[in-house]
C-alpha atoms as a PDB file:
ATOM      1  CA  MET A   1     -11.830 -12.557  -1.801  1.00  0.00           C
ATOM      2  CA  GLU A   2     -15.229 -13.222  -0.038  1.00  0.00           C
ATOM      3  CA  ILE A   3     -14.410 -10.881   2.655  1.00  0.00           C
ATOM      4  CA  MET A   4     -13.544  -8.090   0.206  1.00  0.00           C
ATOM      5  CA  ASP A   5     -16.745  -8.815  -1.801  1.00  0.00           C
ATOM      6  CA  ASP A   6     -18.856  -8.659   1.334  1.00  0.00           C
ATOM      7  CA  ARG A   7     -17.351  -5.322   2.494  1.00  0.00           C
ATOM      8  CA  HIS A   8     -16.826  -3.691  -0.851  1.00  0.00           C
ATOM      9  CA  GLY A   9     -18.749  -0.324  -0.983  1.00  0.00           C
ATOM     10  CA  THR A  10     -20.519  -0.824   2.422  1.00  0.00           C
ATOM     11  CA  HIS A  11     -17.789  -1.019   5.120  1.00  0.00           C
ATOM     12  CA  SER A  12     -14.315   0.344   5.843  1.00  0.00           C
ATOM     13  CA  THR A  13     -11.396  -2.121   5.688  1.00  0.00           C
ATOM     14  CA  MET A  14      -8.024  -1.390   7.157  1.00  0.00           C
ATOM     15  CA  ILE A  15      -5.068  -3.472   5.882  1.00  0.00           C
ATOM     16  CA  ILE A  16      -1.715  -3.174   7.549  1.00  0.00           C
ATOM     17  CA  SER A  17       1.276  -4.919   5.874  1.00  0.00           C
ATOM     18  CA  GLN A  18       5.048  -4.983   6.109  1.00  0.00           C
ATOM     19  CA  LEU A  19       5.008  -6.123   2.464  1.00  0.00           C
ATOM     20  CA  PRO A  20       4.952  -3.243  -0.078  1.00  0.00           C
ATOM     21  CA  THR A  21       1.883  -3.262  -2.374  1.00  0.00           C
ATOM     22  CA  ASP A  22       3.946  -3.860  -5.477  1.00  0.00           C
ATOM     23  CA  GLN A  23       4.824  -7.184  -4.065  1.00  0.00           C
ATOM     24  CA  TRP A  24       1.188  -8.265  -3.178  1.00  0.00           C
ATOM     25  CA  TYR A  25       0.606 -10.066  -6.501  1.00  0.00           C
ATOM     26  CA  ALA A  26       3.549 -12.443  -5.913  1.00  0.00           C
ATOM     27  CA  ALA A  27       2.258 -13.031  -2.328  1.00  0.00           C
ATOM     28  CA  ILE A  28      -1.315 -13.764  -3.382  1.00  0.00           C
ATOM     29  CA  GLY A  29       0.080 -15.925  -6.225  1.00  0.00           C
ATOM     30  CA  ASP A  30      -2.921 -15.882  -8.551  1.00  0.00           C
ATOM     31  CA  ASN A  31      -2.890 -12.770 -10.826  1.00  0.00           C
ATOM     32  CA  THR A  32      -6.580 -12.832 -11.458  1.00  0.00           C
ATOM     33  CA  LEU A  33      -7.602 -13.129  -7.813  1.00  0.00           C
ATOM     34  CA  ALA A  34      -4.935 -10.447  -6.977  1.00  0.00           C
ATOM     35  CA  ASP A  35      -6.420  -8.135  -9.577  1.00  0.00           C
ATOM     36  CA  ALA A  36      -9.952  -8.610  -8.071  1.00  0.00           C
ATOM     37  CA  ILE A  37      -8.844  -8.159  -4.520  1.00  0.00           C
ATOM     38  CA  LEU A  38      -6.471  -5.095  -5.114  1.00  0.00           C
ATOM     39  CA  ASP A  39      -9.106  -3.494  -7.310  1.00  0.00           C
ATOM     40  CA  ARG A  40     -11.550  -3.481  -4.393  1.00  0.00           C
ATOM     41  CA  LEU A  41      -8.979  -2.508  -1.876  1.00  0.00           C
ATOM     42  CA  MET A  42      -7.131   0.306  -3.805  1.00  0.00           C
ATOM     43  CA  HIS A  43     -10.116   2.043  -5.625  1.00  0.00           C
ATOM     44  CA  ASN A  44     -10.992   4.437  -2.837  1.00  0.00           C
ATOM     45  CA  ALA A  45      -8.005   3.726  -0.452  1.00  0.00           C
ATOM     46  CA  HIS A  46      -6.090   6.182   1.656  1.00  0.00           C
ATOM     47  CA  ARG A  47      -2.483   4.951   1.865  1.00  0.00           C
ATOM     48  CA  TRP A  48       0.261   5.795   4.151  1.00  0.00           C
ATOM     49  CA  ALA A  49       3.837   4.563   3.585  1.00  0.00           C
ATOM     50  CA  LEU A  50       5.674   4.729   6.876  1.00  0.00           C
ATOM     51  CA  LYS A  51       9.408   5.359   6.843  1.00  0.00           C
ATOM     52  CA  GLY A  52      12.076   5.082   9.439  1.00  0.00           C
ATOM     53  CA  GLU A  53      13.724   2.258  11.480  1.00  0.00           C
ATOM     54  CA  SER A  54      11.762  -0.641  12.923  1.00  0.00           C
ATOM     55  CA  MET A  55      10.405   0.020  16.431  1.00  0.00           C
ATOM     56  CA  ARG A  56      11.686  -3.360  17.285  1.00  0.00           C
ATOM     57  CA  LYS A  57      15.173  -2.376  16.452  1.00  0.00           C
ATOM     58  CA  ARG A  58      14.978   0.864  18.305  1.00  0.00           C
ATOM     59  CA  LEU A  59      13.501  -0.937  21.479  1.00  0.00           C
ATOM     60  CA  GLN A  60      16.401  -3.465  21.377  1.00  0.00           C
ATOM     61  CA  GLU A  61      18.921  -0.600  21.462  1.00  0.00           C
ATOM     62  CA  ILE A  62      17.353   0.707  24.650  1.00  0.00           C
ATOM     63  CA  ASP A  63      17.664  -2.588  26.400  1.00  0.00           C
END
């Protein structure tokens, strides 16, 4: 939360996650804290949802 407070509105922040955003509340655990963090993250966010097979799986098939 402190990191998001320090960066909010002044710096860009990139978050990369394998966990879908609808599961972030459960991962953070505290709904009040999750609301505060996600509000700062998602307000002006550009989001990309990547699709397709895992590169790890594809690379294992080549080996």
